[in-house]
């Protein structure tokens, strides 16, 4: 079955949503545990034995789910980008009005970045943001998927600029990178037991970012 094409919003080509089997509970545990270890010990400093111990299975049992540490990192990165496609890009691409689309992108991305956070942040978000350890081939794939998201955000800002709704002098590329950087950092600091819920955090962050670019 071919992946469903999504409407183009500034990329020049229709985006494609990967079709993947549902994530099992054990795979999810492996992804989170491996991501946390990659952050704490570094990719090179983390062994397959470390990951197996963290999820309380044998090393042989771990190899039932993954072929290698390098492949696991790529799978985690692809999983993170799949969630971005499903939770942010696909819903936003269906919104015609660029201002409504921009607000939807910002709020949905905040929730995507913070979802599954624990006492030490959201390890999946952090690993996707810092893909050290990927092979050049795998890095190219992930960077290409990130570029598609950047182009969606930059294209949306560009539409607002054409409509005269952006603050004069705002550079759409700089604004897009700044928004993505601010949101990705949420994976490091937002906590479920904090003062603001994830939904409230999304509202706050979106308001700050919108106020920084929209003409008054």
C-alpha atoms as a PDB file:
ATOM      1  CA  UNK A   1       0.000   0.000   0.000  1.00  0.00           C
ATOM      2  CA  UNK A   2       1.413   3.402  -0.960  1.00  0.00           C
ATOM      3  CA  UNK A   3       1.709   6.047   1.767  1.00  0.00           C
ATOM      4  CA  UNK A   4      -1.005   8.702   1.656  1.00  0.00           C
ATOM      5  CA  UNK A   5       0.143  12.006   0.196  1.00  0.00           C
ATOM      6  CA  UNK A   6      -0.358  15.125   2.274  1.00  0.00           C
ATOM      7  CA  UNK A   7      -1.059  18.584   0.849  1.00  0.00           C
ATOM      8  CA  UNK A   8       2.024  20.605  -0.044  1.00  0.00           C
ATOM      9  CA  UNK A   9       2.553  23.701   2.117  1.00  0.00           C
ATOM     10  CA  UNK A  10       5.759  25.237   0.884  1.00  0.00           C
ATOM     11  CA  UNK A  11       7.938  22.181   0.260  1.00  0.00           C
ATOM     12  CA  UNK A  12       7.421  22.036  -3.486  1.00  0.00           C
ATOM     13  CA  UNK A  13       6.521  18.354  -3.214  1.00  0.00           C
ATOM     14  CA  UNK A  14       3.725  16.511  -1.439  1.00  0.00           C
ATOM     15  CA  UNK A  15       4.820  15.215   1.945  1.00  0.00           C
ATOM     16  CA  UNK A  16       4.558  11.484   2.587  1.00  0.00           C
ATOM     17  CA  UNK A  17       3.565   9.886   5.836  1.00  0.00           C
ATOM     18  CA  UNK A  18       5.457   6.652   6.477  1.00  0.00           C
ATOM     19  CA  UNK A  19       3.303   3.603   7.095  1.00  0.00           C
ATOM     20  CA  UNK A  20       4.628   1.625  10.051  1.00  0.00           C
ATOM     21  CA  UNK A  21       3.190  -1.184  12.176  1.00  0.00           C
ATOM     22  CA  UNK A  22       1.811  -0.218  15.595  1.00  0.00           C
ATOM     23  CA  UNK A  23       4.468   0.159  18.280  1.00  0.00           C
ATOM     24  CA  UNK A  24       4.425  -2.669  20.817  1.00  0.00           C
ATOM     25  CA  UNK A  25       4.808  -2.088  24.548  1.00  0.00           C
ATOM     26  CA  UNK A  26       8.231  -3.732  24.694  1.00  0.00           C
ATOM     27  CA  UNK A  27       9.519  -1.752  21.710  1.00  0.00           C
ATOM     28  CA  UNK A  28       8.358   1.449  23.385  1.00  0.00           C
ATOM     29  CA  UNK A  29      10.236   0.528  26.555  1.00  0.00           C
ATOM     30  CA  UNK A  30      13.382  -0.158  24.531  1.00  0.00           C
ATOM     31  CA  UNK A  31      13.135   3.153  22.663  1.00  0.00           C
ATOM     32  CA  UNK A  32      12.721   5.200  25.835  1.00  0.00           C
ATOM     33  CA  UNK A  33      15.415   3.333  27.773  1.00  0.00           C
ATOM     34  CA  UNK A  34      17.905   3.500  24.896  1.00  0.00           C
ATOM     35  CA  UNK A  35      17.214   7.197  24.355  1.00  0.00           C
ATOM     36  CA  UNK A  36      17.792   7.961  28.018  1.00  0.00           C
ATOM     37  CA  UNK A  37      21.067   6.025  28.016  1.00  0.00           C
ATOM     38  CA  UNK A  38      22.244   7.722  24.818  1.00  0.00           C
ATOM     39  CA  UNK A  39      21.689  11.069  26.544  1.00  0.00           C
ATOM     40  CA  UNK A  40      23.281  10.076  29.845  1.00  0.00           C
ATOM     41  CA  UNK A  41      26.271   8.082  28.584  1.00  0.00           C
ATOM     42  CA  UNK A  42      26.567   9.166  24.976  1.00  0.00           C
ATOM     43  CA  UNK A  43      25.913   6.935  21.992  1.00  0.00           C
ATOM     44  CA  UNK A  44      29.442   5.516  21.912  1.00  0.00           C
ATOM     45  CA  UNK A  45      29.420   4.928  25.671  1.00  0.00           C
ATOM     46  CA  UNK A  46      26.174   2.959  25.659  1.00  0.00           C
ATOM     47  CA  UNK A  47      26.317  -0.783  25.013  1.00  0.00           C
ATOM     48  CA  UNK A  48      23.592  -3.172  23.986  1.00  0.00           C
ATOM     49  CA  UNK A  49      24.093  -4.830  27.363  1.00  0.00           C
ATOM     50  CA  UNK A  50      23.287  -1.489  29.054  1.00  0.00           C
ATOM     51  CA  UNK A  51      20.048  -1.233  27.094  1.00  0.00           C
ATOM     52  CA  UNK A  52      19.090  -4.843  27.799  1.00  0.00           C
ATOM     53  CA  UNK A  53      19.710  -4.357  31.508  1.00  0.00           C
ATOM     54  CA  UNK A  54      17.614  -1.170  31.544  1.00  0.00           C
ATOM     55  CA  UNK A  55      14.569  -2.990  30.149  1.00  0.00           C
ATOM     56  CA  UNK A  56      15.272  -6.153  32.138  1.00  0.00           C
ATOM     57  CA  UNK A  57      15.744  -8.567  29.269  1.00  0.00           C
ATOM     58  CA  UNK A  58      18.728 -10.561  28.113  1.00  0.00           C
ATOM     59  CA  UNK A  59      21.051  -9.240  25.450  1.00  0.00           C
ATOM     60  CA  UNK A  60      19.889 -12.062  23.186  1.00  0.00           C
ATOM     61  CA  UNK A  61      16.301 -11.036  23.878  1.00  0.00           C
ATOM     62  CA  UNK A  62      17.117  -7.456  22.888  1.00  0.00           C
ATOM     63  CA  UNK A  63      18.427  -8.647  19.537  1.00  0.00           C
ATOM     64  CA  UNK A  64      14.998 -10.148  18.928  1.00  0.00           C
ATOM     65  CA  UNK A  65      13.729  -6.565  18.601  1.00  0.00           C
ATOM     66  CA  UNK A  66      16.739  -4.741  17.098  1.00  0.00           C
ATOM     67  CA  UNK A  67      19.654  -5.724  14.854  1.00  0.00           C
ATOM     68  CA  UNK A  68      22.256  -3.303  16.176  1.00  0.00           C
ATOM     69  CA  UNK A  69      22.750  -0.199  18.281  1.00  0.00           C
ATOM     70  CA  UNK A  70      23.136   1.919  15.134  1.00  0.00           C
ATOM     71  CA  UNK A  71      19.903   0.580  13.669  1.00  0.00           C
ATOM     72  CA  UNK A  72      18.142   1.183  16.983  1.00  0.00           C
ATOM     73  CA  UNK A  73      19.162   4.847  16.979  1.00  0.00           C
ATOM     74  CA  UNK A  74      17.883   5.259  13.430  1.00  0.00           C
ATOM     75  CA  UNK A  75      14.617   3.503  14.319  1.00  0.00           C
ATOM     76  CA  UNK A  76      14.149   5.809  17.324  1.00  0.00           C
ATOM     77  CA  UNK A  77      14.804   8.850  15.138  1.00  0.00           C
ATOM     78  CA  UNK A  78      12.360   7.613  12.506  1.00  0.00           C
ATOM     79  CA  UNK A  79       9.776   6.938  15.213  1.00  0.00           C
ATOM     80  CA  UNK A  80      10.181  10.490  16.506  1.00  0.00           C
ATOM     81  CA  UNK A  81       9.736  11.916  13.023  1.00  0.00           C
ATOM     82  CA  UNK A  82       6.720   9.661  12.425  1.00  0.00           C
ATOM     83  CA  UNK A  83       5.074  11.127  15.521  1.00  0.00           C
ATOM     84  CA  UNK A  84       5.842  14.635  14.258  1.00  0.00           C
ATOM     85  CA  UNK A  85       4.214  13.746  10.924  1.00  0.00           C
ATOM     86  CA  UNK A  86       1.128  12.306  12.573  1.00  0.00           C
ATOM     87  CA  UNK A  87       0.634  14.822  15.370  1.00  0.00           C
ATOM     88  CA  UNK A  88       1.830  18.057  13.752  1.00  0.00           C
ATOM     89  CA  UNK A  89       2.484  18.043  10.017  1.00  0.00           C
ATOM     90  CA  UNK A  90      -0.537  16.124   8.695  1.00  0.00           C
ATOM     91  CA  UNK A  91      -3.185  18.032  10.716  1.00  0.00           C
ATOM     92  CA  UNK A  92      -1.569  21.402   9.961  1.00  0.00           C
ATOM     93  CA  UNK A  93      -1.209  20.726   6.245  1.00  0.00           C
ATOM     94  CA  UNK A  94      -4.988  20.448   5.988  1.00  0.00           C
ATOM     95  CA  UNK A  95      -5.550  23.998   7.343  1.00  0.00           C
ATOM     96  CA  UNK A  96      -5.944  26.579   4.577  1.00  0.00           C
ATOM     97  CA  UNK A  97      -5.585  29.819   6.565  1.00  0.00           C
ATOM     98  CA  UNK A  98      -1.865  30.408   7.304  1.00  0.00           C
ATOM     99  CA  UNK A  99      -2.449  32.078  10.674  1.00  0.00           C
ATOM    100  CA  UNK A 100      -4.655  29.240  11.901  1.00  0.00           C
ATOM    101  CA  UNK A 101      -2.116  26.796  10.491  1.00  0.00           C
ATOM    102  CA  UNK A 102       0.811  28.493  12.226  1.00  0.00           C
ATOM    103  CA  UNK A 103      -0.969  28.483  15.580  1.00  0.00           C
ATOM    104  CA  UNK A 104      -1.894  24.816  15.125  1.00  0.00           C
ATOM    105  CA  UNK A 105       1.698  23.910  14.241  1.00  0.00           C
ATOM    106  CA  UNK A 106       3.138  25.649  17.288  1.00  0.00           C
ATOM    107  CA  UNK A 107       0.669  24.214  19.799  1.00  0.00           C
ATOM    108  CA  UNK A 108       0.793  20.695  18.380  1.00  0.00           C
ATOM    109  CA  UNK A 109       4.599  20.701  18.250  1.00  0.00           C
ATOM    110  CA  UNK A 110       4.844  21.785  21.897  1.00  0.00           C
ATOM    111  CA  UNK A 111       2.624  18.886  22.905  1.00  0.00           C
ATOM    112  CA  UNK A 112       4.590  16.535  20.648  1.00  0.00           C
ATOM    113  CA  UNK A 113       7.882  17.630  22.231  1.00  0.00           C
ATOM    114  CA  UNK A 114       6.619  17.350  25.796  1.00  0.00           C
ATOM    115  CA  UNK A 115       4.535  14.203  25.524  1.00  0.00           C
ATOM    116  CA  UNK A 116       5.974  11.211  27.438  1.00  0.00           C
ATOM    117  CA  UNK A 117       8.203  13.496  29.522  1.00  0.00           C
ATOM    118  CA  UNK A 118       9.449  12.185  32.822  1.00  0.00           C
ATOM    119  CA  UNK A 119      11.574  13.538  35.655  1.00  0.00           C
ATOM    120  CA  UNK A 120      14.503  13.894  33.263  1.00  0.00           C
ATOM    121  CA  UNK A 121      12.557  15.269  30.311  1.00  0.00           C
ATOM    122  CA  UNK A 122      11.447  13.549  27.117  1.00  0.00           C
ATOM    123  CA  UNK A 123      14.398  11.428  25.956  1.00  0.00           C
ATOM    124  CA  UNK A 124      12.816  10.633  22.583  1.00  0.00           C
ATOM    125  CA  UNK A 125      12.551  14.321  21.695  1.00  0.00           C
ATOM    126  CA  UNK A 126      16.108  15.019  22.814  1.00  0.00           C
ATOM    127  CA  UNK A 127      17.591  12.161  20.793  1.00  0.00           C
ATOM    128  CA  UNK A 128      15.763  13.258  17.638  1.00  0.00           C
ATOM    129  CA  UNK A 129      17.010  16.804  18.211  1.00  0.00           C
ATOM    130  CA  UNK A 130      20.618  15.642  18.621  1.00  0.00           C
ATOM    131  CA  UNK A 131      21.105  12.683  16.268  1.00  0.00           C
ATOM    132  CA  UNK A 132      24.767  12.044  17.063  1.00  0.00           C
ATOM    133  CA  UNK A 133      25.726   8.478  16.187  1.00  0.00           C
ATOM    134  CA  UNK A 134      23.675   8.178  13.011  1.00  0.00           C
ATOM    135  CA  UNK A 135      25.494   6.911   9.937  1.00  0.00           C
ATOM    136  CA  UNK A 136      25.845   9.501   7.135  1.00  0.00           C
ATOM    137  CA  UNK A 137      23.140   7.706   5.166  1.00  0.00           C
ATOM    138  CA  UNK A 138      20.725   7.625   8.091  1.00  0.00           C
ATOM    139  CA  UNK A 139      21.521  11.207   9.053  1.00  0.00           C
ATOM    140  CA  UNK A 140      20.618  12.290   5.513  1.00  0.00           C
ATOM    141  CA  UNK A 141      17.218  10.622   5.838  1.00  0.00           C
ATOM    142  CA  UNK A 142      16.435  12.262   9.180  1.00  0.00           C
ATOM    143  CA  UNK A 143      17.722  15.667   8.110  1.00  0.00           C
ATOM    144  CA  UNK A 144      15.551  15.412   4.994  1.00  0.00           C
ATOM    145  CA  UNK A 145      12.478  14.786   7.108  1.00  0.00           C
ATOM    146  CA  UNK A 146      13.379  17.688   9.385  1.00  0.00           C
ATOM    147  CA  UNK A 147      13.811  19.890   6.326  1.00  0.00           C
ATOM    148  CA  UNK A 148      10.273  19.041   5.179  1.00  0.00           C
ATOM    149  CA  UNK A 149       8.930  20.282   8.519  1.00  0.00           C
ATOM    150  CA  UNK A 150      11.074  23.416   8.373  1.00  0.00           C
ATOM    151  CA  UNK A 151       9.745  24.107   4.887  1.00  0.00           C
ATOM    152  CA  UNK A 152       6.151  23.740   6.092  1.00  0.00           C
ATOM    153  CA  UNK A 153       6.754  26.245   8.884  1.00  0.00           C
ATOM    154  CA  UNK A 154       8.763  28.623   6.702  1.00  0.00           C
ATOM    155  CA  UNK A 155       6.190  28.383   3.909  1.00  0.00           C
ATOM    156  CA  UNK A 156       3.407  29.217   6.351  1.00  0.00           C
ATOM    157  CA  UNK A 157       5.303  32.273   7.584  1.00  0.00           C
ATOM    158  CA  UNK A 158       5.931  33.235   3.978  1.00  0.00           C
ATOM    159  CA  UNK A 159       2.211  33.191   3.241  1.00  0.00           C
ATOM    160  CA  UNK A 160       1.623  35.487   6.213  1.00  0.00           C
ATOM    161  CA  UNK A 161       4.368  37.793   4.956  1.00  0.00           C
ATOM    162  CA  UNK A 162       2.723  38.041   1.525  1.00  0.00           C
ATOM    163  CA  UNK A 163      -0.576  38.880   3.234  1.00  0.00           C
ATOM    164  CA  UNK A 164       1.101  41.662   5.229  1.00  0.00           C
ATOM    165  CA  UNK A 165       0.410  39.931   8.547  1.00  0.00           C
ATOM    166  CA  UNK A 166       4.035  39.587   9.705  1.00  0.00           C
ATOM    167  CA  UNK A 167       5.927  42.273  11.582  1.00  0.00           C
ATOM    168  CA  UNK A 168       8.010  44.263   9.142  1.00  0.00           C
ATOM    169  CA  UNK A 169      11.592  43.020   8.949  1.00  0.00           C
ATOM    170  CA  UNK A 170      10.929  39.494  10.235  1.00  0.00           C
ATOM    171  CA  UNK A 171      13.004  36.969   8.296  1.00  0.00           C
ATOM    172  CA  UNK A 172      10.856  33.880   7.762  1.00  0.00           C
ATOM    173  CA  UNK A 173      13.797  31.456   7.789  1.00  0.00           C
ATOM    174  CA  UNK A 174      15.242  32.869  11.015  1.00  0.00           C
ATOM    175  CA  UNK A 175      11.778  32.873  12.582  1.00  0.00           C
ATOM    176  CA  UNK A 176      11.158  29.244  11.587  1.00  0.00           C
ATOM    177  CA  UNK A 177      14.477  28.062  13.034  1.00  0.00           C
ATOM    178  CA  UNK A 178      13.896  30.093  16.224  1.00  0.00           C
ATOM    179  CA  UNK A 179      10.442  28.584  16.738  1.00  0.00           C
ATOM    180  CA  UNK A 180      11.666  25.035  16.215  1.00  0.00           C
ATOM    181  CA  UNK A 181      14.602  25.568  18.582  1.00  0.00           C
ATOM    182  CA  UNK A 182      12.392  26.995  21.310  1.00  0.00           C
ATOM    183  CA  UNK A 183       9.900  24.158  21.039  1.00  0.00           C
ATOM    184  CA  UNK A 184      12.475  21.358  20.928  1.00  0.00           C
ATOM    185  CA  UNK A 185      13.950  22.670  24.169  1.00  0.00           C
ATOM    186  CA  UNK A 186      10.644  21.845  25.888  1.00  0.00           C
ATOM    187  CA  UNK A 187      11.653  18.186  25.766  1.00  0.00           C
ATOM    188  CA  UNK A 188      14.399  19.108  28.228  1.00  0.00           C
ATOM    189  CA  UNK A 189      12.562  21.247  30.751  1.00  0.00           C
ATOM    190  CA  UNK A 190       8.827  20.506  30.824  1.00  0.00           C
ATOM    191  CA  UNK A 191       7.696  18.130  33.577  1.00  0.00           C
ATOM    192  CA  UNK A 192       4.286  16.475  34.068  1.00  0.00           C
ATOM    193  CA  UNK A 193       4.240  17.550  37.725  1.00  0.00           C
ATOM    194  CA  UNK A 194       5.111  21.178  36.922  1.00  0.00           C
ATOM    195  CA  UNK A 195       2.928  24.233  37.467  1.00  0.00           C
ATOM    196  CA  UNK A 196       1.584  24.283  33.901  1.00  0.00           C
ATOM    197  CA  UNK A 197      -0.063  21.371  32.135  1.00  0.00           C
ATOM    198  CA  UNK A 198       1.237  20.446  28.694  1.00  0.00           C
ATOM    199  CA  UNK A 199      -1.836  22.060  27.112  1.00  0.00           C
ATOM    200  CA  UNK A 200      -1.260  25.277  29.108  1.00  0.00           C
ATOM    201  CA  UNK A 201       2.404  25.243  28.150  1.00  0.00           C
ATOM    202  CA  UNK A 202       1.426  24.906  24.488  1.00  0.00           C
ATOM    203  CA  UNK A 203      -0.869  27.926  24.783  1.00  0.00           C
ATOM    204  CA  UNK A 204       1.841  30.003  26.488  1.00  0.00           C
ATOM    205  CA  UNK A 205       4.626  29.113  24.073  1.00  0.00           C
ATOM    206  CA  UNK A 206       2.426  29.641  21.016  1.00  0.00           C
ATOM    207  CA  UNK A 207       1.336  33.055  22.311  1.00  0.00           C
ATOM    208  CA  UNK A 208       4.936  34.159  22.885  1.00  0.00           C
ATOM    209  CA  UNK A 209       6.092  32.984  19.454  1.00  0.00           C
ATOM    210  CA  UNK A 210       3.098  34.462  17.644  1.00  0.00           C
ATOM    211  CA  UNK A 211       3.499  37.805  19.386  1.00  0.00           C
ATOM    212  CA  UNK A 212       7.093  37.869  18.201  1.00  0.00           C
ATOM    213  CA  UNK A 213       6.241  37.658  14.502  1.00  0.00           C
ATOM    214  CA  UNK A 214       2.726  38.974  13.902  1.00  0.00           C
ATOM    215  CA  UNK A 215       1.948  42.547  12.918  1.00  0.00           C
ATOM    216  CA  UNK A 216      -0.117  44.403  15.516  1.00  0.00           C
END
